[in-house]
Amino acid sequence: MKRFTLSLVLSLLPFTSNAALSEKLRSISCDLSSLSLQSQKGDLSAELKRLLDKADPDIVFLQGALDWETCERICALHPGLKVITCSAFQAQPITAVAPQVAILARDKATLSWVEEFSNGNAFAFALVQAGQRKLGIFSVQTRDASASGAATERVLTEIKRLQSFPKNAPDSFLIAGAPLSKPTLAAASFESIGADAAAGGKIARSEFWASNAGFLSRPRSYAVPGIPTPLLISDFDSASSFSSKLAHQNALLFPGESPAPVQAIVQPQPFRFGPIALTVGATLAVLLILAILLRPKPSTALVAINAQGDPLAGPQKLDDQTRSNLLTWFKSIFMQRLVAERQQMISDQSEATRRTLAIEEKIGQLQSDLQDRIAAYETRIGRLETELATTAFENRDLIKSQIELLKEKVAKAKEEVVYHRN
């Protein structure tokens, strides 16, 4: 049976320009559903506080939280955060623990509610003021991948209802949380950017989708010790309808961090001899030693003669044996060095191949995302052209302007495809 929980908070005063949230926002999506009950009741404050202090988020999207008190404990870790809304769903059976969905933010919401559309699959919504725009934010929670389609349709239905509000209709939308249906959201003019892997090689389960708001950087997966699933962090500009030009390439950085090329200049690596330099140096050293050992000796004025009239050959034989041993020793060292350098070169070649394949995989993913965006834009253009053919005269200019805007987006996306291919 479908259960619906609604917690509506209406502000008595209209939106003003003095909102606590700016146009540029930092958001965190955190899935706690993989944590045990004991872990959520335990003390994660140290690690989570460290992340909140570094990231300094404006909005925190929670999925799988234990209850309102858990959200309050998280807010206490970072000054300024407050619980906007949190669900209170009942589990089936009653003895079980139901995962709750919540939104935390620096500012109060004009209105907010939560809804459970199937067992454990739910969303929390809040309308906040970000600069001059009204921003509608969703925290989506699903129990398994099979619920992504139903969750996507339910959220889009809610968005259409919100857009029809005579007052407090959102100007922009931001969806965070469980993976949703990419083709459906792309067709509805939502944009997403894939996240980079966390330090442990894991990618966050959460996703960010924006409509009439742009990404400022590539989302970042961040592993918090004690939480099995990495958190997802991203920056947005609610005042822009497009993502920044370098949002797909530039990863999100915390204060004090530098991009890899800049960091290499600020903190140069110590000089190290490469394999070729070491080989050349070893060869020159061997040749120099051989030249010293094999140089001709000056002739002596006196030559000792034994009883048979032959030169005394003892010292000369000893010198030849010493030279032979030294040559054998140097050959052995030289061969060992060559083998070691060859193994190092093979290892470097394997690492370069691995990195090249990883870069090609990222470029392929970027191209796939861009193709999805282009397909969504072209679908929207087709719909608008159909509406243009049947609409009244007074609405034609508006639809034409929308078509031109979408064509510009298509051209921009195609330029990005060409750029990534090159």
Protein backbone atom coordinates (compact mmCIF):
# COMPACT_ATOMS: atom_id res chain seq x y z
CA MET A 1 0.00 0.00 0.00
CA LYS A 2 1.37 3.36 -0.98
CA ARG A 3 2.25 5.57 1.95
CA PHE A 4 2.56 9.31 1.63
CA THR A 5 4.05 11.57 4.29
CA LEU A 6 3.79 15.30 3.78
CA SER A 7 5.53 17.89 5.89
CA LEU A 8 4.80 21.31 4.43
CA VAL A 9 6.56 24.38 5.77
CA LEU A 10 5.30 27.68 4.34
CA SER A 11 7.11 30.91 4.98
CA LEU A 12 4.95 33.89 5.87
CA LEU A 13 7.32 36.27 4.12
CA PRO A 14 8.08 36.18 0.38
CA PHE A 15 11.54 35.47 -0.95
CA THR A 16 13.99 38.32 -0.61
CA SER A 17 17.48 38.93 -1.98
CA ASN A 18 18.91 38.42 1.52
CA ALA A 19 18.82 34.64 1.30
CA ALA A 20 21.60 32.81 3.08
CA LEU A 21 22.31 30.73 -0.05
CA SER A 22 24.25 32.34 -2.86
CA GLU A 23 23.85 31.60 -6.56
CA LYS A 24 26.94 29.39 -6.49
CA LEU A 25 26.29 26.36 -4.30
CA ARG A 26 28.27 23.40 -3.02
CA SER A 27 26.23 20.26 -2.43
CA ILE A 28 26.98 16.87 -0.89
CA SER A 29 24.96 13.70 -1.46
CA CYS A 30 25.45 11.09 1.27
CA ASP A 31 23.97 7.58 1.19
CA LEU A 32 23.90 6.08 4.70
CA SER A 33 21.77 3.07 3.80
CA SER A 34 24.82 0.78 3.69
CA LEU A 35 25.63 1.60 7.32
CA SER A 36 24.41 -0.67 10.08
CA LEU A 37 22.13 0.58 12.82
CA GLN A 38 24.98 0.48 15.31
CA SER A 39 27.19 2.53 13.00
CA GLN A 40 24.60 5.28 12.60
CA LYS A 41 24.08 5.39 16.35
CA GLY A 42 27.84 5.31 16.91
CA ASP A 43 30.35 8.12 16.60
CA LEU A 44 31.23 9.08 13.02
CA SER A 45 31.63 12.69 14.04
CA ALA A 46 35.42 12.95 13.66
CA GLU A 47 35.67 11.79 10.03
CA LEU A 48 32.41 13.39 8.91
CA LYS A 49 33.26 16.68 10.62
CA ARG A 50 36.63 16.72 8.84
CA LEU A 51 34.90 16.41 5.47
CA LEU A 52 32.23 19.02 6.28
CA ASP A 53 34.91 21.47 7.42
CA LYS A 54 36.93 20.95 4.22
CA ALA A 55 33.97 21.00 1.82
CA ASP A 56 31.89 23.65 3.65
CA PRO A 57 28.64 22.63 1.86
CA ASP A 58 25.53 24.76 1.41
CA ILE A 59 23.18 21.77 0.95
CA VAL A 60 23.50 18.16 2.16
CA PHE A 61 21.27 15.48 0.62
CA LEU A 62 20.84 12.43 2.85
CA GLN A 63 19.50 8.99 1.94
CA GLY A 64 19.13 6.03 4.25
CA ALA A 65 19.30 8.11 7.44
CA LEU A 66 18.09 6.59 10.70
CA ASP A 67 15.85 9.42 11.93
CA TRP A 68 15.56 13.15 12.52
CA GLU A 69 17.95 12.95 15.49
CA THR A 70 20.66 11.50 13.24
CA CYS A 71 20.25 14.49 10.91
CA GLU A 72 20.47 16.85 13.88
CA ARG A 73 23.75 15.23 14.97
CA ILE A 74 25.19 15.75 11.49
CA CYS A 75 24.08 19.42 11.50
CA ALA A 76 25.82 19.93 14.85
CA LEU A 77 29.13 18.94 13.23
CA HIS A 78 29.18 22.01 10.99
CA PRO A 79 27.86 25.41 12.14
CA GLY A 80 25.08 26.83 9.99
CA LEU A 81 23.51 23.59 8.77
CA LYS A 82 19.93 22.88 9.77
CA VAL A 83 17.43 20.14 9.00
CA ILE A 84 15.08 21.33 6.25
CA THR A 85 13.01 18.16 6.13
CA CYS A 86 13.32 14.51 7.13
CA SER A 87 10.88 11.66 6.57
CA ALA A 88 9.41 9.42 9.25
CA PHE A 89 8.39 6.35 7.26
CA GLN A 90 7.34 3.16 9.02
CA ALA A 91 9.05 -0.09 8.16
CA GLN A 92 7.36 -3.35 7.24
CA PRO A 93 7.42 -5.24 9.52
CA ILE A 94 7.21 -2.65 12.26
CA THR A 95 10.17 -4.21 14.10
CA ALA A 96 12.47 -3.34 11.18
CA VAL A 97 14.16 0.03 10.61
CA ALA A 98 12.95 2.15 7.69
CA PRO A 99 15.52 4.25 5.79
CA GLN A 100 14.69 7.95 5.91
CA VAL A 101 15.41 10.62 3.30
CA ALA A 102 16.35 14.17 4.32
CA ILE A 103 17.72 17.54 3.22
CA LEU A 104 20.04 19.76 5.27
CA ALA A 105 20.89 23.34 4.26
CA ARG A 106 22.24 26.65 5.46
CA ASP A 107 18.92 28.43 4.95
CA LYS A 108 15.28 27.65 5.69
CA ALA A 109 12.95 26.43 2.96
CA THR A 110 9.87 28.22 1.72
CA LEU A 111 8.14 24.86 1.43
CA SER A 112 9.20 21.24 1.80
CA TRP A 113 7.73 17.75 1.95
CA VAL A 114 8.61 14.08 1.66
CA GLU A 115 6.85 11.27 -0.19
CA GLU A 116 7.25 7.50 -0.25
CA PHE A 117 5.97 6.08 -3.54
CA SER A 118 6.85 2.43 -2.76
CA ASN A 119 8.41 0.47 0.05
CA GLY A 120 11.59 2.35 0.96
CA ASN A 121 11.67 4.29 -2.34
CA ALA A 122 11.04 7.95 -1.65
CA PHE A 123 12.12 11.53 -2.16
CA ALA A 124 12.40 14.70 -0.09
CA PHE A 125 11.73 18.07 -1.71
CA ALA A 126 12.50 21.62 -0.60
CA LEU A 127 12.19 25.01 -2.28
CA VAL A 128 15.00 27.37 -1.30
CA GLN A 129 16.13 30.80 -2.41
CA ALA A 130 19.56 30.80 -4.09
CA GLY A 131 20.48 34.36 -4.94
CA GLN A 132 17.73 35.71 -7.19
CA ARG A 133 16.36 32.31 -8.19
CA LYS A 134 13.98 29.86 -6.56
CA LEU A 135 15.72 26.49 -6.53
CA GLY A 136 13.79 23.23 -6.20
CA ILE A 137 15.92 20.45 -4.73
CA PHE A 138 15.17 16.71 -4.52
CA SER A 139 16.89 14.05 -2.44
CA VAL A 140 15.95 10.71 -4.03
CA GLN A 141 16.24 7.35 -2.28
CA THR A 142 15.80 3.92 -3.89
CA ARG A 143 16.32 0.49 -2.39
CA ASP A 144 17.54 -1.19 -5.61
CA ALA A 145 18.35 -0.45 -9.25
CA SER A 146 14.98 -1.76 -10.48
CA ALA A 147 13.24 1.22 -8.86
CA SER A 148 15.20 3.86 -10.83
CA GLY A 149 12.62 4.11 -13.63
CA ALA A 150 9.67 4.52 -11.27
CA ALA A 151 11.60 7.04 -9.15
CA THR A 152 12.50 9.08 -12.24
CA GLU A 153 8.90 9.23 -13.47
CA ARG A 154 7.63 10.15 -10.01
CA VAL A 155 10.14 12.99 -9.63
CA LEU A 156 9.40 14.35 -13.12
CA THR A 157 5.67 14.26 -12.38
CA GLU A 158 6.31 16.26 -9.22
CA ILE A 159 8.41 18.75 -11.18
CA LYS A 160 5.60 19.34 -13.70
CA ARG A 161 3.21 19.95 -10.81
CA LEU A 162 5.63 22.43 -9.23
CA GLN A 163 6.05 24.32 -12.50
CA SER A 164 2.29 24.91 -12.60
CA PHE A 165 2.25 26.65 -9.20
CA PRO A 166 0.92 30.22 -9.57
CA LYS A 167 3.35 31.29 -6.83
CA ASN A 168 6.66 29.84 -5.67
CA ALA A 169 7.21 27.94 -8.91
CA PRO A 170 10.92 26.95 -9.00
CA ASP A 171 13.18 28.60 -11.57
CA SER A 172 15.80 25.81 -11.42
CA PHE A 173 15.95 22.22 -10.23
CA LEU A 174 18.66 20.11 -8.64
CA ILE A 175 18.22 16.35 -8.11
CA ALA A 176 20.62 14.31 -5.97
CA GLY A 177 20.76 10.80 -4.66
CA ALA A 178 20.09 7.37 -6.14
CA PRO A 179 20.90 6.67 -9.82
CA LEU A 180 17.96 7.58 -12.06
CA SER A 181 17.00 6.90 -15.68
CA LYS A 182 19.48 8.86 -17.79
CA PRO A 183 17.54 8.88 -21.11
CA THR A 184 14.36 10.06 -19.39
CA LEU A 185 16.06 12.88 -17.51
CA ALA A 186 18.10 13.93 -20.57
CA ALA A 187 14.89 14.16 -22.61
CA ALA A 188 13.47 16.41 -19.88
CA SER A 189 16.42 18.83 -20.34
CA PHE A 190 18.33 17.67 -17.24
CA GLU A 191 22.11 17.52 -17.34
CA SER A 192 24.55 15.35 -15.38
CA ILE A 193 28.33 14.92 -15.26
CA GLY A 194 30.02 11.68 -14.23
CA ALA A 195 32.11 11.74 -11.07
CA ASP A 196 35.78 10.93 -10.61
CA ALA A 197 36.69 7.94 -8.48
CA ALA A 198 37.58 8.37 -4.82
CA ALA A 199 41.05 7.67 -3.44
CA GLY A 200 40.13 4.01 -2.90
CA GLY A 201 39.08 3.60 -6.55
CA LYS A 202 35.33 3.59 -5.73
CA ILE A 203 32.78 5.83 -7.43
CA ALA A 204 29.87 7.29 -5.49
CA ARG A 205 26.50 5.65 -6.02
CA SER A 206 24.80 9.04 -5.93
CA GLU A 207 24.28 11.28 -8.96
CA PHE A 208 23.58 14.98 -9.50
CA TRP A 209 21.14 16.23 -12.17
CA ALA A 210 20.51 19.92 -12.88
CA SER A 211 17.95 21.78 -14.97
CA ASN A 212 18.34 25.49 -15.75
CA ALA A 213 21.43 25.41 -13.52
CA GLY A 214 25.01 24.64 -14.50
CA PHE A 215 27.84 22.55 -13.10
CA LEU A 216 30.94 24.54 -12.13
CA SER A 217 33.22 21.51 -11.84
CA ARG A 218 33.31 17.77 -12.26
CA PRO A 219 31.68 16.05 -9.24
CA ARG A 220 34.09 14.44 -6.81
CA SER A 221 33.68 11.10 -5.05
CA TYR A 222 35.02 11.26 -1.51
CA ALA A 223 35.54 8.24 0.73
CA VAL A 224 34.83 8.82 4.43
CA PRO A 225 36.26 6.13 6.74
CA GLY A 226 33.37 4.27 8.33
CA ILE A 227 30.93 4.88 5.44
CA PRO A 228 31.21 2.10 2.80
CA THR A 229 29.74 4.17 -0.04
CA PRO A 230 31.72 7.27 -1.16
CA LEU A 231 29.99 10.64 -0.86
CA LEU A 232 29.45 12.84 -3.91
CA ILE A 233 30.38 16.54 -3.88
CA SER A 234 29.76 19.12 -6.62
CA ASP A 235 29.50 22.87 -7.24
CA PHE A 236 26.61 24.49 -9.11
CA ASP A 237 25.65 27.91 -10.43
CA SER A 238 21.90 28.33 -10.03
CA ALA A 239 22.00 31.61 -11.97
CA SER A 240 23.36 29.99 -15.14
CA SER A 241 21.44 27.75 -17.52
CA PHE A 242 24.64 26.11 -18.79
CA SER A 243 27.57 24.32 -17.22
CA SER A 244 30.95 26.03 -17.41
CA LYS A 245 33.13 25.19 -20.41
CA LEU A 246 35.64 23.21 -18.34
CA ALA A 247 33.15 21.55 -15.97
CA HIS A 248 33.71 18.16 -17.64
CA GLN A 249 37.50 18.33 -17.24
CA ASN A 250 38.14 20.20 -13.98
CA ALA A 251 37.64 18.14 -10.83
CA LEU A 252 36.29 19.80 -7.70
CA LEU A 253 39.04 21.00 -5.34
CA PHE A 254 38.88 21.88 -1.67
CA PRO A 255 40.55 25.06 -0.33
CA GLY A 256 44.32 24.66 -0.32
CA GLU A 257 44.35 22.01 -3.06
CA SER A 258 45.86 22.65 -6.49
CA PRO A 259 45.36 20.94 -9.86
CA ALA A 260 48.04 18.39 -10.71
CA PRO A 261 49.98 20.57 -13.25
CA VAL A 262 49.98 23.58 -10.88
CA GLN A 263 50.97 21.44 -7.92
CA ALA A 264 53.94 20.08 -9.88
CA ILE A 265 55.19 23.64 -10.36
CA VAL A 266 54.56 24.76 -6.77
CA GLN A 267 56.07 21.57 -5.31
CA PRO A 268 58.59 20.28 -7.89
CA GLN A 269 59.63 16.67 -7.59
CA PRO A 270 63.28 15.94 -6.69
CA PHE A 271 65.52 15.32 -9.67
CA ARG A 272 65.99 11.65 -10.53
CA PHE A 273 68.17 10.00 -13.15
CA GLY A 274 66.10 8.24 -15.78
CA PRO A 275 66.86 4.77 -17.15
CA ILE A 276 68.75 6.09 -20.19
CA ALA A 277 70.90 8.45 -18.11
CA LEU A 278 71.78 5.67 -15.68
CA THR A 279 72.72 3.29 -18.52
CA VAL A 280 74.92 5.87 -20.23
CA GLY A 281 76.59 6.76 -16.93
CA ALA A 282 77.32 3.13 -16.10
CA THR A 283 78.77 2.54 -19.58
CA LEU A 284 81.06 5.57 -19.35
CA ALA A 285 82.26 4.46 -15.90
CA VAL A 286 83.13 0.97 -17.20
CA LEU A 287 84.96 2.37 -20.23
CA LEU A 288 86.91 4.76 -18.03
CA ILE A 289 88.02 1.98 -15.71
CA LEU A 290 88.98 -0.25 -18.65
CA ALA A 291 91.02 2.56 -20.16
CA ILE A 292 92.92 2.97 -16.91
CA LEU A 293 93.57 -0.75 -16.55
CA LEU A 294 94.58 -1.35 -20.17
CA ARG A 295 96.78 1.68 -20.66
CA PRO A 296 100.35 0.77 -21.82
CA LYS A 297 103.07 0.69 -19.15
CA PRO A 298 106.37 2.53 -19.70
CA SER A 299 109.35 0.31 -20.67
CA THR A 300 111.90 -0.43 -17.98
CA ALA A 301 115.64 -0.08 -18.45
CA LEU A 302 116.45 -3.28 -16.70
CA VAL A 303 114.85 -6.63 -17.35
CA ALA A 304 115.48 -9.47 -14.96
CA ILE A 305 116.82 -12.63 -16.62
CA ASN A 306 116.56 -16.01 -15.04
CA ALA A 307 118.99 -18.84 -15.33
CA GLN A 308 117.54 -20.02 -18.65
CA GLY A 309 117.73 -16.52 -20.18
CA ASP A 310 113.91 -15.95 -20.19
CA PRO A 311 112.20 -12.87 -18.68
CA LEU A 312 110.61 -13.35 -15.28
CA ALA A 313 106.92 -13.78 -16.17
CA GLY A 314 105.48 -14.02 -12.63
CA PRO A 315 104.39 -10.34 -12.13
CA GLN A 316 103.10 -10.05 -15.71
CA LYS A 317 100.94 -13.18 -15.35
CA LEU A 318 99.57 -11.83 -12.08
CA ASP A 319 98.61 -8.52 -13.75
CA ASP A 320 96.85 -10.38 -16.60
CA GLN A 321 94.84 -12.48 -14.14
CA THR A 322 93.79 -9.40 -12.16
CA ARG A 323 92.70 -7.63 -15.34
CA SER A 324 90.73 -10.68 -16.45
CA ASN A 325 88.92 -10.90 -13.09
CA LEU A 326 88.14 -7.18 -13.11
CA LEU A 327 86.80 -7.39 -16.65
CA THR A 328 84.57 -10.33 -15.71
CA TRP A 329 83.32 -8.45 -12.65
CA PHE A 330 82.53 -5.29 -14.62
CA LYS A 331 80.78 -7.31 -17.32
CA SER A 332 78.62 -8.95 -14.67
CA ILE A 333 77.71 -5.57 -13.11
CA PHE A 334 77.01 -4.06 -16.52
CA MET A 335 74.73 -6.94 -17.56
CA GLN A 336 72.84 -6.83 -14.28
CA ARG A 337 72.32 -3.11 -14.73
CA LEU A 338 71.07 -3.58 -18.28
CA VAL A 339 68.59 -6.26 -17.14
CA ALA A 340 67.32 -4.02 -14.33
CA GLU A 341 66.92 -1.06 -16.71
CA ARG A 342 65.04 -3.27 -19.19
CA GLN A 343 62.64 -4.44 -16.50
CA GLN A 344 62.07 -0.83 -15.41
CA MET A 345 61.38 0.25 -19.00
CA ILE A 346 58.88 -2.62 -19.42
CA SER A 347 57.14 -1.57 -16.19
CA ASP A 348 57.01 2.09 -17.31
CA GLN A 349 55.59 1.03 -20.68
CA SER A 350 52.87 -1.04 -18.98
CA GLU A 351 51.95 1.89 -16.72
CA ALA A 352 51.80 4.27 -19.70
CA THR A 353 49.55 1.81 -21.55
CA ARG A 354 47.24 1.54 -18.53
CA ARG A 355 46.98 5.32 -18.23
CA THR A 356 46.32 5.69 -21.95
CA LEU A 357 43.47 3.17 -21.76
CA ALA A 358 42.01 4.97 -18.74
CA ILE A 359 42.13 8.31 -20.58
CA GLU A 360 40.50 6.77 -23.66
CA GLU A 361 37.77 5.30 -21.45
CA LYS A 362 37.08 8.72 -19.90
CA ILE A 363 37.00 10.37 -23.31
CA GLY A 364 34.59 7.69 -24.53
CA GLN A 365 32.32 8.32 -21.53
CA LEU A 366 32.41 12.07 -22.15
CA GLN A 367 31.53 11.57 -25.80
CA SER A 368 28.67 9.27 -24.82
CA ASP A 369 27.32 11.89 -22.40
CA LEU A 370 27.59 14.58 -25.05
CA GLN A 371 25.78 12.41 -27.58
CA ASP A 372 22.97 11.87 -25.06
CA ARG A 373 22.72 15.63 -24.54
CA ILE A 374 22.62 16.26 -28.28
CA ALA A 375 19.91 13.63 -28.74
CA ALA A 376 17.85 15.18 -25.94
CA TYR A 377 18.21 18.66 -27.44
CA GLU A 378 17.22 17.46 -30.89
CA THR A 379 14.19 15.66 -29.45
CA ARG A 380 13.15 18.84 -27.68
CA ILE A 381 13.66 20.88 -30.86
CA GLY A 382 11.41 18.46 -32.75
CA ARG A 383 8.68 18.85 -30.13
CA LEU A 384 8.93 22.64 -30.20
CA GLU A 385 8.77 22.71 -34.01
CA THR A 386 5.62 20.58 -33.83
CA GLU A 387 4.15 22.99 -31.29
CA LEU A 388 5.21 25.92 -33.47
CA ALA A 389 3.21 24.54 -36.39
CA THR A 390 0.03 24.29 -34.31
CA THR A 391 0.30 27.15 -31.82
CA ALA A 392 -1.34 30.51 -31.91
CA PHE A 393 0.37 33.48 -33.49
CA GLU A 394 1.20 35.26 -30.22
CA ASN A 395 3.22 32.29 -28.90
CA ARG A 396 5.30 31.75 -32.03
CA ASP A 397 8.08 34.17 -31.04
CA LEU A 398 8.51 32.51 -27.68
CA ILE A 399 8.74 29.02 -29.20
CA LYS A 400 11.13 30.26 -31.89
CA SER A 401 13.41 31.73 -29.24
CA GLN A 402 13.36 28.41 -27.37
CA ILE A 403 14.24 26.55 -30.58
CA GLU A 404 17.15 28.92 -31.25
CA LEU A 405 18.41 28.45 -27.70
CA LEU A 406 18.31 24.66 -28.03
CA LYS A 407 20.09 24.84 -31.40
CA GLU A 408 22.86 26.82 -29.74
CA LYS A 409 23.13 24.10 -27.10
CA VAL A 410 23.35 21.44 -29.84
CA ALA A 411 26.10 23.38 -31.63
CA LYS A 412 27.99 23.82 -28.39
CA ALA A 413 27.69 20.12 -27.55
CA LYS A 414 28.90 19.13 -31.02
CA GLU A 415 31.92 21.41 -30.61
CA GLU A 416 32.72 19.63 -27.35
CA VAL A 417 32.45 16.25 -29.12
CA VAL A 418 34.98 17.42 -31.76
CA TYR A 419 37.23 18.81 -29.02
CA HIS A 420 37.28 15.50 -27.09
CA ARG A 421 37.94 13.50 -30.24
CA ASN A 422 40.97 15.64 -31.00
